[in-house]
Amino acid sequence: MIVSFNTVLAEAPSWPADNSARLIKRQNSLPITPDLEAEQSQEVRRRINDVLTGHVSTIPGEQVFTEIQQSLARRRSA
């Protein structure tokens, strides 16, 4: 089964902490490929570092989708 990158990003916050940490460590060891712009790679690493150092916290993916659905429902009813 192939999972899209966006799916991984959406679901990762709801994973157990050890799985998320393994993914982050793995990403940090990946080489920069020609199709990935240097600026994008730097931004990804910065955001990962922010999570690892506690500067930002994550929320479960399920909560994110619930909030999105609620927001869309409010906009539709307005």
PDB file of N, CA and C in Angstrom:
ATOM      1  N   MET A   1       0.837  -1.183   0.000  1.00  0.00           N
ATOM      2  CA  MET A   1       0.000   0.000   0.000  1.00  0.00           C
ATOM      3  C   MET A   1       0.881   1.245   0.000  1.00  0.00           C
ATOM      4  N   ILE A   2       0.615   2.152  -0.915  1.00  0.00           N
ATOM      5  CA  ILE A   2       1.366   3.400  -1.002  1.00  0.00           C
ATOM      6  C   ILE A   2       0.536   4.494  -0.338  1.00  0.00           C
ATOM      7  N   VAL A   3       1.181   5.237   0.558  1.00  0.00           N
ATOM      8  CA  VAL A   3       0.522   6.317   1.281  1.00  0.00           C
ATOM      9  C   VAL A   3       1.151   7.632   0.842  1.00  0.00           C
ATOM     10  N   SER A   4       0.334   8.635   0.600  1.00  0.00           N
ATOM     11  CA  SER A   4       0.867   9.919   0.156  1.00  0.00           C
ATOM     12  C   SER A   4       1.568  10.636   1.307  1.00  0.00           C
ATOM     13  N   PHE A   5       2.459  11.512   0.945  1.00  0.00           N
ATOM     14  CA  PHE A   5       3.188  12.304   1.922  1.00  0.00           C
ATOM     15  C   PHE A   5       2.229  13.138   2.771  1.00  0.00           C
ATOM     16  N   ASN A   6       1.216  13.719   2.130  1.00  0.00           N
ATOM     17  CA  ASN A   6       0.247  14.536   2.862  1.00  0.00           C
ATOM     18  C   ASN A   6      -0.528  13.698   3.871  1.00  0.00           C
ATOM     19  N   THR A   7      -0.810  12.439   3.537  1.00  0.00           N
ATOM     20  CA  THR A   7      -1.498  11.552   4.476  1.00  0.00           C
ATOM     21  C   THR A   7      -0.617  11.291   5.688  1.00  0.00           C
ATOM     22  N   VAL A   8       0.654  11.053   5.442  1.00  0.00           N
ATOM     23  CA  VAL A   8       1.587  10.829   6.555  1.00  0.00           C
ATOM     24  C   VAL A   8       1.639  12.066   7.440  1.00  0.00           C
ATOM     25  N   LEU A   9       1.741  13.241   6.833  1.00  0.00           N
ATOM     26  CA  LEU A   9       1.791  14.474   7.616  1.00  0.00           C
ATOM     27  C   LEU A   9       0.519  14.675   8.436  1.00  0.00           C
ATOM     28  N   ALA A  10      -0.612  14.339   7.859  1.00  0.00           N
ATOM     29  CA  ALA A  10      -1.874  14.523   8.565  1.00  0.00           C
ATOM     30  C   ALA A  10      -2.038  13.532   9.716  1.00  0.00           C
ATOM     31  N   GLU A  11      -1.561  12.314   9.526  1.00  0.00           N
ATOM     32  CA  GLU A  11      -1.773  11.276  10.531  1.00  0.00           C
ATOM     33  C   GLU A  11      -0.667  11.197  11.579  1.00  0.00           C
ATOM     34  N   ALA A  12       0.518  11.624  11.251  1.00  0.00           N
ATOM     35  CA  ALA A  12       1.658  11.478  12.160  1.00  0.00           C
ATOM     36  C   ALA A  12       1.429  12.063  13.556  1.00  0.00           C
ATOM     37  N   PRO A  13       0.781  13.219  13.693  1.00  0.00           N
ATOM     38  CA  PRO A  13       0.589  13.747  15.043  1.00  0.00           C
ATOM     39  C   PRO A  13      -0.224  12.832  15.966  1.00  0.00           C
ATOM     40  N   SER A  14      -1.025  11.957  15.408  1.00  0.00           N
ATOM     41  CA  SER A  14      -1.828  11.066  16.246  1.00  0.00           C
ATOM     42  C   SER A  14      -1.114   9.748  16.548  1.00  0.00           C
ATOM     43  N   TRP A  15       0.061   9.551  15.982  1.00  0.00           N
ATOM     44  CA  TRP A  15       0.823   8.332  16.236  1.00  0.00           C
ATOM     45  C   TRP A  15       1.414   8.364  17.635  1.00  0.00           C
ATOM     46  N   PRO A  16       1.742   7.193  18.166  1.00  0.00           N
ATOM     47  CA  PRO A  16       2.487   7.171  19.432  1.00  0.00           C
ATOM     48  C   PRO A  16       3.802   7.934  19.275  1.00  0.00           C
ATOM     49  N   ALA A  17       4.249   8.563  20.340  1.00  0.00           N
ATOM     50  CA  ALA A  17       5.433   9.418  20.285  1.00  0.00           C
ATOM     51  C   ALA A  17       6.658   8.705  19.736  1.00  0.00           C
ATOM     52  N   ASP A  18       6.833   7.428  20.075  1.00  0.00           N
ATOM     53  CA  ASP A  18       8.033   6.729  19.589  1.00  0.00           C
ATOM     54  C   ASP A  18       8.004   6.557  18.072  1.00  0.00           C
ATOM     55  N   ASN A  19       6.826   6.345  17.496  1.00  0.00           N
ATOM     56  CA  ASN A  19       6.740   6.225  16.034  1.00  0.00           C
ATOM     57  C   ASN A  19       7.019   7.560  15.358  1.00  0.00           C
ATOM     58  N   SER A  20       6.478   8.623  15.929  1.00  0.00           N
ATOM     59  CA  SER A  20       6.737   9.952  15.358  1.00  0.00           C
ATOM     60  C   SER A  20       8.219  10.286  15.441  1.00  0.00           C
ATOM     61  N   ALA A  21       8.838   9.973  16.563  1.00  0.00           N
ATOM     62  CA  ALA A  21      10.267  10.250  16.734  1.00  0.00           C
ATOM     63  C   ALA A  21      11.093   9.459  15.726  1.00  0.00           C
ATOM     64  N   ARG A  22      10.721   8.218  15.485  1.00  0.00           N
ATOM     65  CA  ARG A  22      11.456   7.402  14.499  1.00  0.00           C
ATOM     66  C   ARG A  22      11.340   8.014  13.106  1.00  0.00           C
ATOM     67  N   LEU A  23      10.154   8.503  12.755  1.00  0.00           N
ATOM     68  CA  LEU A  23       9.969   9.136  11.455  1.00  0.00           C
ATOM     69  C   LEU A  23      10.816  10.400  11.344  1.00  0.00           C
ATOM     70  N   ILE A  24      10.823  11.204  12.398  1.00  0.00           N
ATOM     71  CA  ILE A  24      11.597  12.444  12.393  1.00  0.00           C
ATOM     72  C   ILE A  24      13.083  12.147  12.259  1.00  0.00           C
ATOM     73  N   LYS A  25      13.580  11.176  13.023  1.00  0.00           N
ATOM     74  CA  LYS A  25      14.998  10.819  12.931  1.00  0.00           C
ATOM     75  C   LYS A  25      15.341  10.318  11.536  1.00  0.00           C
ATOM     76  N   ARG A  26      14.443   9.538  10.957  1.00  0.00           N
ATOM     77  CA  ARG A  26      14.679   9.009   9.609  1.00  0.00           C
ATOM     78  C   ARG A  26      14.724  10.149   8.598  1.00  0.00           C
ATOM     79  N   GLN A  27      13.803  11.101   8.718  1.00  0.00           N
ATOM     80  CA  GLN A  27      13.775  12.225   7.795  1.00  0.00           C
ATOM     81  C   GLN A  27      15.051  13.038   7.897  1.00  0.00           C
ATOM     82  N   ASN A  28      15.541  13.231   9.111  1.00  0.00           N
ATOM     83  CA  ASN A  28      16.760  14.012   9.298  1.00  0.00           C
ATOM     84  C   ASN A  28      17.967  13.365   8.636  1.00  0.00           C
ATOM     85  N   SER A  29      17.915  12.065   8.404  1.00  0.00           N
ATOM     86  CA  SER A  29      19.046  11.377   7.797  1.00  0.00           C
ATOM     87  C   SER A  29      18.919  11.252   6.283  1.00  0.00           C
ATOM     88  N   LEU A  30      17.795  11.696   5.714  1.00  0.00           N
ATOM     89  CA  LEU A  30      17.596  11.579   4.275  1.00  0.00           C
ATOM     90  C   LEU A  30      18.421  12.621   3.525  1.00  0.00           C
ATOM     91  N   PRO A  31      19.010  12.212   2.419  1.00  0.00           N
ATOM     92  CA  PRO A  31      19.759  13.196   1.621  1.00  0.00           C
ATOM     93  C   PRO A  31      18.800  14.131   0.892  1.00  0.00           C
ATOM     94  N   ILE A  32      19.266  15.304   0.596  1.00  0.00           N
ATOM     95  CA  ILE A  32      18.468  16.242  -0.192  1.00  0.00           C
ATOM     96  C   ILE A  32      18.551  15.793  -1.640  1.00  0.00           C
ATOM     97  N   THR A  33      17.399  15.567  -2.242  1.00  0.00           N
ATOM     98  CA  THR A  33      17.359  15.129  -3.633  1.00  0.00           C
ATOM     99  C   THR A  33      17.218  16.337  -4.536  1.00  0.00           C
ATOM    100  N   PRO A  34      17.603  16.190  -5.805  1.00  0.00           N
ATOM    101  CA  PRO A  34      17.533  17.328  -6.723  1.00  0.00           C
ATOM    102  C   PRO A  34      16.136  17.924  -6.863  1.00  0.00           C
ATOM    103  N   ASP A  35      15.099  17.094  -6.726  1.00  0.00           N
ATOM    104  CA  ASP A  35      13.752  17.613  -6.915  1.00  0.00           C
ATOM    105  C   ASP A  35      13.195  18.292  -5.663  1.00  0.00           C
ATOM    106  N   LEU A  36      13.962  18.295  -4.605  1.00  0.00           N
ATOM    107  CA  LEU A  36      13.522  18.957  -3.379  1.00  0.00           C
ATOM    108  C   LEU A  36      14.358  20.214  -3.197  1.00  0.00           C
ATOM    109  N   GLU A  37      13.704  21.331  -3.311  1.00  0.00           N
ATOM    110  CA  GLU A  37      14.419  22.595  -3.214  1.00  0.00           C
ATOM    111  C   GLU A  37      15.078  22.741  -1.850  1.00  0.00           C
ATOM    112  N   ALA A  38      16.221  23.373  -1.819  1.00  0.00           N
ATOM    113  CA  ALA A  38      16.962  23.570  -0.580  1.00  0.00           C
ATOM    114  C   ALA A  38      16.139  24.332   0.451  1.00  0.00           C
ATOM    115  N   GLU A  39      15.394  25.311   0.013  1.00  0.00           N
ATOM    116  CA  GLU A  39      14.578  26.087   0.948  1.00  0.00           C
ATOM    117  C   GLU A  39      13.504  25.219   1.590  1.00  0.00           C
ATOM    118  N   GLN A  40      12.899  24.331   0.819  1.00  0.00           N
ATOM    119  CA  GLN A  40      11.882  23.445   1.366  1.00  0.00           C
ATOM    120  C   GLN A  40      12.503  22.508   2.398  1.00  0.00           C
ATOM    121  N   SER A  41      13.657  21.985   2.074  1.00  0.00           N
ATOM    122  CA  SER A  41      14.330  21.075   2.986  1.00  0.00           C
ATOM    123  C   SER A  41      14.682  21.781   4.293  1.00  0.00           C
ATOM    124  N   GLN A  42      15.166  22.997   4.198  1.00  0.00           N
ATOM    125  CA  GLN A  42      15.506  23.763   5.399  1.00  0.00           C
ATOM    126  C   GLN A  42      14.271  24.013   6.257  1.00  0.00           C
ATOM    127  N   GLU A  43      13.160  24.321   5.611  1.00  0.00           N
ATOM    128  CA  GLU A  43      11.925  24.583   6.345  1.00  0.00           C
ATOM    129  C   GLU A  43      11.435  23.325   7.059  1.00  0.00           C
ATOM    130  N   VAL A  44      11.491  22.199   6.383  1.00  0.00           N
ATOM    131  CA  VAL A  44      11.091  20.935   7.003  1.00  0.00           C
ATOM    132  C   VAL A  44      11.966  20.646   8.212  1.00  0.00           C
ATOM    133  N   ARG A  45      13.268  20.788   8.053  1.00  0.00           N
ATOM    134  CA  ARG A  45      14.183  20.534   9.176  1.00  0.00           C
ATOM    135  C   ARG A  45      13.933  21.504  10.337  1.00  0.00           C
ATOM    136  N   ARG A  46      13.650  22.759  10.015  1.00  0.00           N
ATOM    137  CA  ARG A  46      13.362  23.753  11.055  1.00  0.00           C
ATOM    138  C   ARG A  46      12.113  23.359  11.831  1.00  0.00           C
ATOM    139  N   ARG A  47      11.077  22.946  11.106  1.00  0.00           N
ATOM    140  CA  ARG A  47       9.826  22.570  11.772  1.00  0.00           C
ATOM    141  C   ARG A  47      10.004  21.311  12.620  1.00  0.00           C
ATOM    142  N   ILE A  48      10.749  20.357  12.111  1.00  0.00           N
ATOM    143  CA  ILE A  48      11.026  19.144  12.885  1.00  0.00           C
ATOM    144  C   ILE A  48      11.786  19.505  14.151  1.00  0.00           C
ATOM    145  N   ASN A  49      12.774  20.362  14.009  1.00  0.00           N
ATOM    146  CA  ASN A  49      13.545  20.794  15.171  1.00  0.00           C
ATOM    147  C   ASN A  49      12.659  21.503  16.195  1.00  0.00           C
ATOM    148  N   ASP A  50      11.718  22.317  15.715  1.00  0.00           N
ATOM    149  CA  ASP A  50      10.791  23.000  16.615  1.00  0.00           C
ATOM    150  C   ASP A  50       9.979  21.999  17.436  1.00  0.00           C
ATOM    151  N   VAL A  51       9.560  20.910  16.812  1.00  0.00           N
ATOM    152  CA  VAL A  51       8.805  19.883  17.538  1.00  0.00           C
ATOM    153  C   VAL A  51       9.715  19.159  18.519  1.00  0.00           C
ATOM    154  N   LEU A  52      10.896  18.773  18.060  1.00  0.00           N
ATOM    155  CA  LEU A  52      11.815  18.010  18.915  1.00  0.00           C
ATOM    156  C   LEU A  52      12.275  18.807  20.134  1.00  0.00           C
ATOM    157  N   THR A  53      12.441  20.106  19.969  1.00  0.00           N
ATOM    158  CA  THR A  53      12.928  20.927  21.077  1.00  0.00           C
ATOM    159  C   THR A  53      11.801  21.469  21.950  1.00  0.00           C
ATOM    160  N   GLY A  54      10.564  21.198  21.571  1.00  0.00           N
ATOM    161  CA  GLY A  54       9.433  21.641  22.374  1.00  0.00           C
ATOM    162  C   GLY A  54       8.980  23.063  22.116  1.00  0.00           C
ATOM    163  N   HIS A  55       9.524  23.707  21.085  1.00  0.00           N
ATOM    164  CA  HIS A  55       9.088  25.074  20.768  1.00  0.00           C
ATOM    165  C   HIS A  55       7.651  25.089  20.253  1.00  0.00           C
ATOM    166  N   VAL A  56       7.235  24.015  19.647  1.00  0.00           N
ATOM    167  CA  VAL A  56       5.845  23.856  19.213  1.00  0.00           C
ATOM    168  C   VAL A  56       5.392  22.465  19.635  1.00  0.00           C
ATOM    169  N   SER A  57       4.103  22.310  19.760  1.00  0.00           N
ATOM    170  CA  SER A  57       3.584  20.991  20.093  1.00  0.00           C
ATOM    171  C   SER A  57       2.642  20.538  18.985  1.00  0.00           C
ATOM    172  N   THR A  58       2.447  19.259  18.901  1.00  0.00           N
ATOM    173  CA  THR A  58       1.560  18.708  17.887  1.00  0.00           C
ATOM    174  C   THR A  58       0.223  18.358  18.517  1.00  0.00           C
ATOM    175  N   ILE A  59      -0.770  18.209  17.665  1.00  0.00           N
ATOM    176  CA  ILE A  59      -2.072  17.749  18.121  1.00  0.00           C
ATOM    177  C   ILE A  59      -2.450  16.545  17.266  1.00  0.00           C
ATOM    178  N   PRO A  60      -3.271  15.663  17.803  1.00  0.00           N
ATOM    179  CA  PRO A  60      -3.646  14.464  17.039  1.00  0.00           C
ATOM    180  C   PRO A  60      -4.332  14.814  15.720  1.00  0.00           C
ATOM    181  N   GLY A  61      -4.027  14.041  14.683  1.00  0.00           N
ATOM    182  CA  GLY A  61      -4.618  14.261  13.370  1.00  0.00           C
ATOM    183  C   GLY A  61      -6.132  14.226  13.410  1.00  0.00           C
ATOM    184  N   GLU A  62      -6.691  13.341  14.229  1.00  0.00           N
ATOM    185  CA  GLU A  62      -8.141  13.238  14.347  1.00  0.00           C
ATOM    186  C   GLU A  62      -8.730  14.564  14.826  1.00  0.00           C
ATOM    187  N   GLN A  63      -8.052  15.210  15.753  1.00  0.00           N
ATOM    188  CA  GLN A  63      -8.515  16.508  16.252  1.00  0.00           C
ATOM    189  C   GLN A  63      -8.450  17.559  15.150  1.00  0.00           C
ATOM    190  N   VAL A  64      -7.403  17.529  14.355  1.00  0.00           N
ATOM    191  CA  VAL A  64      -7.247  18.477  13.248  1.00  0.00           C
ATOM    192  C   VAL A  64      -8.420  18.346  12.284  1.00  0.00           C
ATOM    193  N   PHE A  65      -8.737  17.105  11.890  1.00  0.00           N
ATOM    194  CA  PHE A  65      -9.816  16.894  10.940  1.00  0.00           C
ATOM    195  C   PHE A  65     -11.173  17.293  11.528  1.00  0.00           C
ATOM    196  N   THR A  66     -11.379  17.047  12.813  1.00  0.00           N
ATOM    197  CA  THR A  66     -12.613  17.457  13.472  1.00  0.00           C
ATOM    198  C   THR A  66     -12.746  18.974  13.433  1.00  0.00           C
ATOM    199  N   GLU A  67     -11.652  19.673  13.752  1.00  0.00           N
ATOM    200  CA  GLU A  67     -11.682  21.134  13.735  1.00  0.00           C
ATOM    201  C   GLU A  67     -11.916  21.684  12.327  1.00  0.00           C
ATOM    202  N   ILE A  68     -11.327  21.038  11.341  1.00  0.00           N
ATOM    203  CA  ILE A  68     -11.544  21.470   9.951  1.00  0.00           C
ATOM    204  C   ILE A  68     -13.002  21.291   9.568  1.00  0.00           C
ATOM    205  N   GLN A  69     -13.566  20.137   9.906  1.00  0.00           N
ATOM    206  CA  GLN A  69     -14.970  19.880   9.586  1.00  0.00           C
ATOM    207  C   GLN A  69     -15.886  20.885  10.277  1.00  0.00           C
ATOM    208  N   GLN A  70     -15.608  21.194  11.525  1.00  0.00           N
ATOM    209  CA  GLN A  70     -16.416  22.168  12.258  1.00  0.00           C
ATOM    210  C   GLN A  70     -16.307  23.559  11.621  1.00  0.00           C
ATOM    211  N   SER A  71     -15.094  23.919  11.234  1.00  0.00           N
ATOM    212  CA  SER A  71     -14.876  25.220  10.611  1.00  0.00           C
ATOM    213  C   SER A  71     -15.626  25.314   9.279  1.00  0.00           C
ATOM    214  N   LEU A  72     -15.544  24.269   8.487  1.00  0.00           N
ATOM    215  CA  LEU A  72     -16.256  24.261   7.205  1.00  0.00           C
ATOM    216  C   LEU A  72     -17.756  24.310   7.407  1.00  0.00           C
ATOM    217  N   ALA A  73     -18.262  23.592   8.401  1.00  0.00           N
ATOM    218  CA  ALA A  73     -19.699  23.598   8.685  1.00  0.00           C
ATOM    219  C   ALA A  73     -20.160  25.006   9.081  1.00  0.00           C
ATOM    220  N   ARG A  74     -19.348  25.697   9.905  1.00  0.00           N
ATOM    221  CA  ARG A  74     -19.703  27.069  10.299  1.00  0.00           C
ATOM    222  C   ARG A  74     -19.726  28.005   9.095  1.00  0.00           C
ATOM    223  N   ARG A  75     -18.754  27.841   8.208  1.00  0.00           N
ATOM    224  CA  ARG A  75     -18.689  28.718   7.025  1.00  0.00           C
ATOM    225  C   ARG A  75     -19.876  28.463   6.101  1.00  0.00           C
ATOM    226  N   ARG A  76     -20.258  27.205   5.963  1.00  0.00           N
ATOM    227  CA  ARG A  76     -21.371  26.862   5.084  1.00  0.00           C
ATOM    228  C   ARG A  76     -22.685  27.394   5.626  1.00  0.00           C
ATOM    229  N   SER A  77     -22.816  27.438   6.935  1.00  0.00           N
ATOM    230  CA  SER A  77     -24.074  27.884   7.532  1.00  0.00           C
ATOM    231  C   SER A  77     -24.141  29.408   7.688  1.00  0.00           C
ATOM    232  N   ALA A  78     -23.040  30.073   7.444  1.00  0.00           N
ATOM    233  CA  ALA A  78     -23.017  31.537   7.601  1.00  0.00           C
ATOM    234  C   ALA A  78     -23.618  32.242   6.412  1.00  0.00           C
TER     235      ALA A  78
END
